[in-house]
Amino acid sequence: SRAKDEMFVHTDIPEAPWNVVDSDDKRRARIN
């Protein structure tokens, strides 16, 4: 979790932003 948070701080850039997919429900995740 800490590694992911640090990664987002440095790599969530306007040119290539991260898009978070809530995936506890796999079907919703695929559709979304």
Full PDB file with SEQRES, HELIX, SHEET, SSBOND, CRYST1, ORIGX, SCALE, CONECT and MASTER records, all heavy atoms in Angstrom:
SEQRES   1 A   32  SER ARG ALA LYS ASP GLU MET PHE VAL HIS THR ASP ILE          
SEQRES   2 A   32  PRO GLU ALA PRO TRP ASN VAL VAL ASP SER ASP ASP LYS          
SEQRES   3 A   32  ARG ARG ALA ARG ILE ASN                                      
HELIX    1 AA1 ARG A    2  THR A   11  1                                  10    
HELIX    2 AA2 LYS A   26  ILE A   31  1                                   6    
CRYST1    1.000    1.000    1.000  90.00  90.00  90.00 P 1           1          
ORIGX1      1.000000  0.000000  0.000000        0.00000                         
ORIGX2      0.000000  1.000000  0.000000        0.00000                         
ORIGX3      0.000000  0.000000  1.000000        0.00000                         
SCALE1      1.000000  0.000000  0.000000        0.00000                         
SCALE2      0.000000  1.000000  0.000000        0.00000                         
SCALE3      0.000000  0.000000  1.000000        0.00000                         
ATOM      1  N   SER A   1       0.833  -1.209   0.000  1.00  0.00           N  
ATOM      2  CA  SER A   1       0.000   0.000   0.000  1.00  0.00           C  
ATOM      3  C   SER A   1       0.865   1.256   0.000  1.00  0.00           C  
ATOM      4  O   SER A   1       0.609   2.198  -0.760  1.00  0.00           O  
ATOM      5  CB  SER A   1      -0.919   0.007   1.226  1.00  0.00           C  
ATOM      6  OG  SER A   1      -1.832  -1.070   1.185  1.00  0.00           O  
ATOM      7  N   ARG A   2       1.891   1.268   0.825  1.00  0.00           N  
ATOM      8  CA  ARG A   2       2.781   2.434   0.865  1.00  0.00           C  
ATOM      9  C   ARG A   2       3.531   2.597  -0.456  1.00  0.00           C  
ATOM     10  O   ARG A   2       3.707   3.719  -0.945  1.00  0.00           O  
ATOM     11  CB  ARG A   2       3.769   2.290   2.019  1.00  0.00           C  
ATOM     12  CG  ARG A   2       3.124   2.349   3.408  1.00  0.00           C  
ATOM     13  CD  ARG A   2       4.176   2.391   4.512  1.00  0.00           C  
ATOM     14  NE  ARG A   2       3.558   2.373   5.827  1.00  0.00           N  
ATOM     15  CZ  ARG A   2       3.370   1.274   6.554  1.00  0.00           C  
ATOM     16  NH1 ARG A   2       3.778   0.095   6.079  1.00  0.00           N  
ATOM     17  NH2 ARG A   2       2.784   1.333   7.731  1.00  0.00           N  
ATOM     18  N   ALA A   3       3.974   1.479  -1.031  1.00  0.00           N  
ATOM     19  CA  ALA A   3       4.691   1.544  -2.311  1.00  0.00           C  
ATOM     20  C   ALA A   3       3.782   2.086  -3.409  1.00  0.00           C  
ATOM     21  O   ALA A   3       4.210   2.899  -4.241  1.00  0.00           O  
ATOM     22  CB  ALA A   3       5.208   0.162  -2.687  1.00  0.00           C  
ATOM     23  N   LYS A   4       2.530   1.647  -3.421  1.00  0.00           N  
ATOM     24  CA  LYS A   4       1.571   2.126  -4.426  1.00  0.00           C  
ATOM     25  C   LYS A   4       1.303   3.611  -4.241  1.00  0.00           C  
ATOM     26  O   LYS A   4       1.258   4.386  -5.209  1.00  0.00           O  
ATOM     27  CB  LYS A   4       0.292   1.313  -4.337  1.00  0.00           C  
ATOM     28  CG  LYS A   4      -0.840   1.819  -5.222  1.00  0.00           C  
ATOM     29  CD  LYS A   4      -1.889   2.564  -4.406  1.00  0.00           C  
ATOM     30  CE  LYS A   4      -3.045   3.015  -5.254  1.00  0.00           C  
ATOM     31  NZ  LYS A   4      -4.050   3.776  -4.472  1.00  0.00           N  
ATOM     32  N   ASP A   5       1.133   4.061  -3.007  1.00  0.00           N  
ATOM     33  CA  ASP A   5       0.876   5.480  -2.761  1.00  0.00           C  
ATOM     34  C   ASP A   5       2.050   6.341  -3.223  1.00  0.00           C  
ATOM     35  O   ASP A   5       1.856   7.399  -3.839  1.00  0.00           O  
ATOM     36  CB  ASP A   5       0.606   5.718  -1.275  1.00  0.00           C  
ATOM     37  CG  ASP A   5      -0.709   5.106  -0.805  1.00  0.00           C  
ATOM     38  OD1 ASP A   5      -1.547   4.782  -1.679  1.00  0.00           O  
ATOM     39  OD2 ASP A   5      -0.892   4.953   0.416  1.00  0.00           O  
ATOM     40  N   GLU A   6       3.265   5.892  -2.940  1.00  0.00           N  
ATOM     41  CA  GLU A   6       4.444   6.637  -3.380  1.00  0.00           C  
ATOM     42  C   GLU A   6       4.539   6.648  -4.901  1.00  0.00           C  
ATOM     43  O   GLU A   6       4.886   7.671  -5.512  1.00  0.00           O  
ATOM     44  CB  GLU A   6       5.709   6.010  -2.771  1.00  0.00           C  
ATOM     45  CG  GLU A   6       6.977   6.806  -3.078  1.00  0.00           C  
ATOM     46  CD  GLU A   6       8.212   6.205  -2.432  1.00  0.00           C  
ATOM     47  OE1 GLU A   6       8.132   5.063  -1.923  1.00  0.00           O  
ATOM     48  OE2 GLU A   6       9.273   6.873  -2.448  1.00  0.00           O  
ATOM     49  N   MET A   7       4.225   5.540  -5.519  1.00  0.00           N  
ATOM     50  CA  MET A   7       4.245   5.451  -6.975  1.00  0.00           C  
ATOM     51  C   MET A   7       3.267   6.448  -7.591  1.00  0.00           C  
ATOM     52  O   MET A   7       3.582   7.137  -8.566  1.00  0.00           O  
ATOM     53  CB  MET A   7       3.872   4.032  -7.402  1.00  0.00           C  
ATOM     54  CG  MET A   7       3.810   3.805  -8.899  1.00  0.00           C  
ATOM     55  SD  MET A   7       3.171   2.147  -9.281  1.00  0.00           S  
ATOM     56  CE  MET A   7       1.403   2.424  -9.049  1.00  0.00           C  
ATOM     57  N   PHE A   8       2.076   6.548  -7.029  1.00  0.00           N  
ATOM     58  CA  PHE A   8       1.071   7.477  -7.555  1.00  0.00           C  
ATOM     59  C   PHE A   8       1.536   8.925  -7.435  1.00  0.00           C  
ATOM     60  O   PHE A   8       1.296   9.737  -8.331  1.00  0.00           O  
ATOM     61  CB  PHE A   8      -0.255   7.289  -6.816  1.00  0.00           C  
ATOM     62  CG  PHE A   8      -1.203   6.335  -7.490  1.00  0.00           C  
ATOM     63  CD1 PHE A   8      -0.748   5.108  -7.963  1.00  0.00           C  
ATOM     64  CD2 PHE A   8      -2.542   6.651  -7.642  1.00  0.00           C  
ATOM     65  CE1 PHE A   8      -1.619   4.228  -8.582  1.00  0.00           C  
ATOM     66  CE2 PHE A   8      -3.414   5.780  -8.268  1.00  0.00           C  
ATOM     67  CZ  PHE A   8      -2.960   4.561  -8.740  1.00  0.00           C  
ATOM     68  N   VAL A   9       2.190   9.255  -6.346  1.00  0.00           N  
ATOM     69  CA  VAL A   9       2.664  10.625  -6.151  1.00  0.00           C  
ATOM     70  C   VAL A   9       3.576  11.043  -7.302  1.00  0.00           C  
ATOM     71  O   VAL A   9       3.498  12.169  -7.805  1.00  0.00           O  
ATOM     72  CB  VAL A   9       3.405  10.758  -4.799  1.00  0.00           C  
ATOM     73  CG1 VAL A   9       4.171  12.088  -4.725  1.00  0.00           C  
ATOM     74  CG2 VAL A   9       2.413  10.660  -3.646  1.00  0.00           C  
ATOM     75  N   HIS A  10       4.428  10.140  -7.739  1.00  0.00           N  
ATOM     76  CA  HIS A  10       5.428  10.476  -8.762  1.00  0.00           C  
ATOM     77  C   HIS A  10       4.950  10.247 -10.192  1.00  0.00           C  
ATOM     78  O   HIS A  10       5.451  10.903 -11.112  1.00  0.00           O  
ATOM     79  CB  HIS A  10       6.696   9.646  -8.531  1.00  0.00           C  
ATOM     80  CG  HIS A  10       7.442  10.034  -7.286  1.00  0.00           C  
ATOM     81  ND1 HIS A  10       8.413  11.021  -7.268  1.00  0.00           N  
ATOM     82  CD2 HIS A  10       7.345   9.568  -6.004  1.00  0.00           C  
ATOM     83  CE1 HIS A  10       8.886  11.140  -6.051  1.00  0.00           C  
ATOM     84  NE2 HIS A  10       8.260  10.272  -5.254  1.00  0.00           N  
ATOM     85  N   THR A  11       4.012   9.324 -10.400  1.00  0.00           N  
ATOM     86  CA  THR A  11       3.697   8.912 -11.784  1.00  0.00           C  
ATOM     87  C   THR A  11       2.277   9.218 -12.221  1.00  0.00           C  
ATOM     88  O   THR A  11       1.916   8.930 -13.365  1.00  0.00           O  
ATOM     89  CB  THR A  11       3.957   7.404 -11.963  1.00  0.00           C  
ATOM     90  OG1 THR A  11       3.071   6.659 -11.098  1.00  0.00           O  
ATOM     91  CG2 THR A  11       5.405   7.058 -11.628  1.00  0.00           C  
ATOM     92  N   ASP A  12       1.473   9.793 -11.355  1.00  0.00           N  
ATOM     93  CA  ASP A  12       0.120  10.198 -11.755  1.00  0.00           C  
ATOM     94  C   ASP A  12       0.216  11.583 -12.386  1.00  0.00           C  
ATOM     95  O   ASP A  12      -0.070  12.596 -11.744  1.00  0.00           O  
ATOM     96  CB  ASP A  12      -0.805  10.207 -10.539  1.00  0.00           C  
ATOM     97  CG  ASP A  12      -2.257  10.436 -10.922  1.00  0.00           C  
ATOM     98  OD1 ASP A  12      -2.605  10.260 -12.103  1.00  0.00           O  
ATOM     99  OD2 ASP A  12      -3.055  10.820 -10.040  1.00  0.00           O  
ATOM    100  N   ILE A  13       0.620  11.630 -13.631  1.00  0.00           N  
ATOM    101  CA  ILE A  13       0.929  12.889 -14.308  1.00  0.00           C  
ATOM    102  C   ILE A  13      -0.189  13.259 -15.286  1.00  0.00           C  
ATOM    103  O   ILE A  13      -0.918  12.376 -15.764  1.00  0.00           O  
ATOM    104  CB  ILE A  13       2.277  12.798 -15.060  1.00  0.00           C  
ATOM    105  CG1 ILE A  13       2.241  11.666 -16.103  1.00  0.00           C  
ATOM    106  CG2 ILE A  13       3.412  12.584 -14.071  1.00  0.00           C  
ATOM    107  CD1 ILE A  13       3.505  11.549 -16.946  1.00  0.00           C  
ATOM    108  N   PRO A  14      -0.361  14.530 -15.603  1.00  0.00           N  
ATOM    109  CA  PRO A  14      -1.444  14.940 -16.514  1.00  0.00           C  
ATOM    110  C   PRO A  14      -1.370  14.253 -17.874  1.00  0.00           C  
ATOM    111  O   PRO A  14      -2.406  13.908 -18.457  1.00  0.00           O  
ATOM    112  CB  PRO A  14      -1.232  16.460 -16.649  1.00  0.00           C  
ATOM    113  CG  PRO A  14      -0.494  16.858 -15.416  1.00  0.00           C  
ATOM    114  CD  PRO A  14       0.374  15.694 -15.064  1.00  0.00           C  
ATOM    115  N   GLU A  15      -0.164  14.056 -18.384  1.00  0.00           N  
ATOM    116  CA  GLU A  15      -0.015  13.428 -19.694  1.00  0.00           C  
ATOM    117  C   GLU A  15      -0.412  11.945 -19.684  1.00  0.00           C  
ATOM    118  O   GLU A  15      -0.813  11.408 -20.729  1.00  0.00           O  
ATOM    119  CB  GLU A  15       1.428  13.548 -20.185  1.00  0.00           C  
ATOM    120  CG  GLU A  15       1.903  14.972 -20.389  1.00  0.00           C  
ATOM    121  CD  GLU A  15       2.465  15.592 -19.107  1.00  0.00           C  
ATOM    122  OE1 GLU A  15       2.265  15.019 -18.010  1.00  0.00           O  
ATOM    123  OE2 GLU A  15       3.111  16.641 -19.218  1.00  0.00           O  
ATOM    124  N   ALA A  16      -0.275  11.282 -18.530  1.00  0.00           N  
ATOM    125  CA  ALA A  16      -0.584   9.858 -18.417  1.00  0.00           C  
ATOM    126  C   ALA A  16      -1.101   9.577 -17.002  1.00  0.00           C  
ATOM    127  O   ALA A  16      -0.391   9.001 -16.182  1.00  0.00           O  
ATOM    128  CB  ALA A  16       0.650   9.008 -18.724  1.00  0.00           C  
ATOM    129  N   PRO A  17      -2.322   9.991 -16.719  1.00  0.00           N  
ATOM    130  CA  PRO A  17      -2.847   9.819 -15.359  1.00  0.00           C  
ATOM    131  C   PRO A  17      -3.216   8.373 -15.053  1.00  0.00           C  
ATOM    132  O   PRO A  17      -3.485   7.577 -15.965  1.00  0.00           O  
ATOM    133  CB  PRO A  17      -4.101  10.706 -15.368  1.00  0.00           C  
ATOM    134  CG  PRO A  17      -4.549  10.699 -16.797  1.00  0.00           C  
ATOM    135  CD  PRO A  17      -3.283  10.647 -17.612  1.00  0.00           C  
ATOM    136  N   TRP A  18      -3.227   8.044 -13.776  1.00  0.00           N  
ATOM    137  CA  TRP A  18      -3.729   6.753 -13.337  1.00  0.00           C  
ATOM    138  C   TRP A  18      -5.254   6.791 -13.280  1.00  0.00           C  
ATOM    139  O   TRP A  18      -5.846   7.784 -12.876  1.00  0.00           O  
ATOM    140  CB  TRP A  18      -3.192   6.398 -11.958  1.00  0.00           C  
ATOM    141  CG  TRP A  18      -1.823   5.823 -11.983  1.00  0.00           C  
ATOM    142  CD1 TRP A  18      -0.651   6.434 -11.622  1.00  0.00           C  
ATOM    143  CD2 TRP A  18      -1.459   4.498 -12.394  1.00  0.00           C  
ATOM    144  NE1 TRP A  18       0.413   5.587 -11.791  1.00  0.00           N  
ATOM    145  CE2 TRP A  18      -0.053   4.383 -12.265  1.00  0.00           C  
ATOM    146  CE3 TRP A  18      -2.184   3.408 -12.868  1.00  0.00           C  
ATOM    147  CZ2 TRP A  18       0.630   3.219 -12.586  1.00  0.00           C  
ATOM    148  CZ3 TRP A  18      -1.497   2.243 -13.199  1.00  0.00           C  
ATOM    149  CH2 TRP A  18      -0.111   2.150 -13.047  1.00  0.00           C  
ATOM    150  N   ASN A  19      -5.872   5.686 -13.666  1.00  0.00           N  
ATOM    151  CA  ASN A  19      -7.314   5.519 -13.562  1.00  0.00           C  
ATOM    152  C   ASN A  19      -7.567   4.327 -12.649  1.00  0.00           C  
ATOM    153  O   ASN A  19      -7.192   3.196 -12.977  1.00  0.00           O  
ATOM    154  CB  ASN A  19      -7.924   5.269 -14.942  1.00  0.00           C  
ATOM    155  CG  ASN A  19      -7.627   6.397 -15.914  1.00  0.00           C  
ATOM    156  OD1 ASN A  19      -8.181   7.475 -15.810  1.00  0.00           O  
ATOM    157  ND2 ASN A  19      -6.726   6.153 -16.863  1.00  0.00           N  
ATOM    158  N   VAL A  20      -8.173   4.582 -11.488  1.00  0.00           N  
ATOM    159  CA  VAL A  20      -8.386   3.540 -10.485  1.00  0.00           C  
ATOM    160  C   VAL A  20      -9.711   2.829 -10.763  1.00  0.00           C  
ATOM    161  O   VAL A  20     -10.756   3.469 -10.916  1.00  0.00           O  
ATOM    162  CB  VAL A  20      -8.382   4.125  -9.066  1.00  0.00           C  
ATOM    163  CG1 VAL A  20      -8.660   3.033  -8.039  1.00  0.00           C  
ATOM    164  CG2 VAL A  20      -7.051   4.804  -8.778  1.00  0.00           C  
ATOM    165  N   VAL A  21      -9.639   1.502 -10.829  1.00  0.00           N  
ATOM    166  CA  VAL A  21     -10.815   0.669 -11.064  1.00  0.00           C  
ATOM    167  C   VAL A  21     -11.131  -0.092  -9.777  1.00  0.00           C  
ATOM    168  O   VAL A  21     -10.327  -0.920  -9.337  1.00  0.00           O  
ATOM    169  CB  VAL A  21     -10.566  -0.341 -12.204  1.00  0.00           C  
ATOM    170  CG1 VAL A  21     -11.818  -1.186 -12.453  1.00  0.00           C  
ATOM    171  CG2 VAL A  21     -10.137   0.385 -13.479  1.00  0.00           C  
ATOM    172  N   ASP A  22     -12.265   0.201  -9.160  1.00  0.00           N  
ATOM    173  CA  ASP A  22     -12.679  -0.556  -7.977  1.00  0.00           C  
ATOM    174  C   ASP A  22     -13.054  -1.960  -8.426  1.00  0.00           C  
ATOM    175  O   ASP A  22     -13.971  -2.139  -9.236  1.00  0.00           O  
ATOM    176  CB  ASP A  22     -13.872   0.119  -7.302  1.00  0.00           C  
ATOM    177  CG  ASP A  22     -13.523   1.476  -6.714  1.00  0.00           C  
ATOM    178  OD1 ASP A  22     -12.410   1.605  -6.172  1.00  0.00           O  
ATOM    179  OD2 ASP A  22     -14.346   2.403  -6.807  1.00  0.00           O  
ATOM    180  N   SER A  23     -12.355  -2.962  -7.901  1.00  0.00           N  
ATOM    181  CA  SER A  23     -12.492  -4.299  -8.477  1.00  0.00           C  
ATOM    182  C   SER A  23     -12.913  -5.376  -7.484  1.00  0.00           C  
ATOM    183  O   SER A  23     -12.701  -6.569  -7.736  1.00  0.00           O  
ATOM    184  CB  SER A  23     -11.175  -4.715  -9.143  1.00  0.00           C  
ATOM    185  OG  SER A  23     -10.118  -4.768  -8.206  1.00  0.00           O  
ATOM    186  N   ASP A  24     -13.514  -4.996  -6.372  1.00  0.00           N  
ATOM    187  CA  ASP A  24     -14.072  -6.027  -5.496  1.00  0.00           C  
ATOM    188  C   ASP A  24     -15.178  -6.796  -6.211  1.00  0.00           C  
ATOM    189  O   ASP A  24     -15.387  -7.979  -5.948  1.00  0.00           O  
ATOM    190  CB  ASP A  24     -14.620  -5.397  -4.209  1.00  0.00           C  
ATOM    191  CG  ASP A  24     -13.558  -5.286  -3.128  1.00  0.00           C  
ATOM    192  OD1 ASP A  24     -12.374  -5.524  -3.435  1.00  0.00           O  
ATOM    193  OD2 ASP A  24     -13.897  -4.947  -1.981  1.00  0.00           O  
ATOM    194  N   ASP A  25     -15.893  -6.117  -7.107  1.00  0.00           N  
ATOM    195  CA  ASP A  25     -16.875  -6.761  -7.974  1.00  0.00           C  
ATOM    196  C   ASP A  25     -16.249  -6.855  -9.362  1.00  0.00           C  
ATOM    197  O   ASP A  25     -16.136  -5.853 -10.070  1.00  0.00           O  
ATOM    198  CB  ASP A  25     -18.166  -5.936  -8.009  1.00  0.00           C  
ATOM    199  CG  ASP A  25     -19.281  -6.614  -8.808  1.00  0.00           C  
ATOM    200  OD1 ASP A  25     -18.969  -7.264  -9.825  1.00  0.00           O  
ATOM    201  OD2 ASP A  25     -20.457  -6.469  -8.422  1.00  0.00           O  
ATOM    202  N   LYS A  26     -15.843  -8.047  -9.759  1.00  0.00           N  
ATOM    203  CA  LYS A  26     -15.107  -8.210 -11.015  1.00  0.00           C  
ATOM    204  C   LYS A  26     -15.935  -7.802 -12.225  1.00  0.00           C  
ATOM    205  O   LYS A  26     -15.413  -7.221 -13.176  1.00  0.00           O  
ATOM    206  CB  LYS A  26     -14.638  -9.661 -11.179  1.00  0.00           C  
ATOM    207  CG  LYS A  26     -13.439 -10.034 -10.340  1.00  0.00           C  
ATOM    208  CD  LYS A  26     -12.933 -11.412 -10.743  1.00  0.00           C  
ATOM    209  CE  LYS A  26     -11.671 -11.785  -9.994  1.00  0.00           C  
ATOM    210  NZ  LYS A  26     -11.133 -13.096 -10.435  1.00  0.00           N  
ATOM    211  N   ARG A  27     -17.205  -8.111 -12.216  1.00  0.00           N  
ATOM    212  CA  ARG A  27     -18.043  -7.783 -13.364  1.00  0.00           C  
ATOM    213  C   ARG A  27     -18.147  -6.268 -13.550  1.00  0.00           C  
ATOM    214  O   ARG A  27     -18.028  -5.754 -14.664  1.00  0.00           O  
ATOM    215  CB  ARG A  27     -19.427  -8.411 -13.214  1.00  0.00           C  
ATOM    216  CG  ARG A  27     -19.430  -9.925 -13.374  1.00  0.00           C  
ATOM    217  CD  ARG A  27     -20.843 -10.472 -13.424  1.00  0.00           C  
ATOM    218  NE  ARG A  27     -20.885 -11.828 -13.938  1.00  0.00           N  
ATOM    219  CZ  ARG A  27     -21.989 -12.441 -14.349  1.00  0.00           C  
ATOM    220  NH1 ARG A  27     -23.157 -11.801 -14.290  1.00  0.00           N  
ATOM    221  NH2 ARG A  27     -21.952 -13.668 -14.808  1.00  0.00           N  
ATOM    222  N   ARG A  28     -18.386  -5.574 -12.452  1.00  0.00           N  
ATOM    223  CA  ARG A  28     -18.438  -4.107 -12.534  1.00  0.00           C  
ATOM    224  C   ARG A  28     -17.105  -3.552 -13.006  1.00  0.00           C  
ATOM    225  O   ARG A  28     -17.049  -2.617 -13.811  1.00  0.00           O  
ATOM    226  CB  ARG A  28     -18.788  -3.514 -11.169  1.00  0.00           C  
ATOM    227  CG  ARG A  28     -20.249  -3.602 -10.799  1.00  0.00           C  
ATOM    228  CD  ARG A  28     -20.478  -3.008  -9.412  1.00  0.00           C  
ATOM    229  NE  ARG A  28     -21.874  -3.003  -9.062  1.00  0.00           N  
ATOM    230  CZ  ARG A  28     -22.702  -1.984  -9.269  1.00  0.00           C  
ATOM    231  NH1 ARG A  28     -22.238  -0.885  -9.847  1.00  0.00           N  
ATOM    232  NH2 ARG A  28     -23.969  -2.049  -8.917  1.00  0.00           N  
ATOM    233  N   ALA A  29     -16.018  -4.121 -12.506  1.00  0.00           N  
ATOM    234  CA  ALA A  29     -14.683  -3.643 -12.871  1.00  0.00           C  
ATOM    235  C   ALA A  29     -14.458  -3.772 -14.379  1.00  0.00           C  
ATOM    236  O   ALA A  29     -13.940  -2.856 -15.025  1.00  0.00           O  
ATOM    237  CB  ALA A  29     -13.623  -4.415 -12.093  1.00  0.00           C  
ATOM    238  N   ARG A  30     -14.831  -4.907 -14.951  1.00  0.00           N  
ATOM    239  CA  ARG A  30     -14.629  -5.114 -16.388  1.00  0.00           C  
ATOM    240  C   ARG A  30     -15.434  -4.098 -17.199  1.00  0.00           C  
ATOM    241  O   ARG A  30     -14.899  -3.459 -18.113  1.00  0.00           O  
ATOM    242  CB  ARG A  30     -15.054  -6.534 -16.765  1.00  0.00           C  
ATOM    243  CG  ARG A  30     -14.218  -7.613 -16.138  1.00  0.00           C  
ATOM    244  CD  ARG A  30     -14.913  -8.961 -16.261  1.00  0.00           C  
ATOM    245  NE  ARG A  30     -14.266  -9.970 -15.435  1.00  0.00           N  
ATOM    246  CZ  ARG A  30     -14.852 -11.101 -15.049  1.00  0.00           C  
ATOM    247  NH1 ARG A  30     -16.095 -11.358 -15.427  1.00  0.00           N  
ATOM    248  NH2 ARG A  30     -14.208 -11.970 -14.290  1.00  0.00           N  
ATOM    249  N   ILE A  31     -16.712  -3.964 -16.844  1.00  0.00           N  
ATOM    250  CA  ILE A  31     -17.582  -3.026 -17.564  1.00  0.00           C  
ATOM    251  C   ILE A  31     -17.050  -1.604 -17.445  1.00  0.00           C  
ATOM    252  O   ILE A  31     -16.961  -0.863 -18.439  1.00  0.00           O  
ATOM    253  CB  ILE A  31     -19.014  -3.107 -17.008  1.00  0.00           C  
ATOM    254  CG1 ILE A  31     -19.654  -4.457 -17.331  1.00  0.00           C  
ATOM    255  CG2 ILE A  31     -19.862  -1.963 -17.546  1.00  0.00           C  
ATOM    256  CD1 ILE A  31     -19.930  -4.687 -18.780  1.00  0.00           C  
ATOM    257  N   ASN A  32     -16.684  -1.209 -16.228  1.00  0.00           N  
ATOM    258  CA  ASN A  32     -16.233   0.165 -16.001  1.00  0.00           C  
ATOM    259  C   ASN A  32     -14.926   0.471 -16.719  1.00  0.00           C  
ATOM    260  O   ASN A  32     -14.742   1.545 -17.296  1.00  0.00           O  
ATOM    261  CB  ASN A  32     -16.086   0.426 -14.500  1.00  0.00           C  
ATOM    262  CG  ASN A  32     -17.424   0.427 -13.782  1.00  0.00           C  
ATOM    263  OD1 ASN A  32     -18.471   0.620 -14.397  1.00  0.00           O  
ATOM    264  ND2 ASN A  32     -17.402   0.202 -12.475  1.00  0.00           N  
TER     265      ASN A  32                                                      
MASTER        0    0    0    2    0    0    0    6  264    1    0    3          
END                                                                             
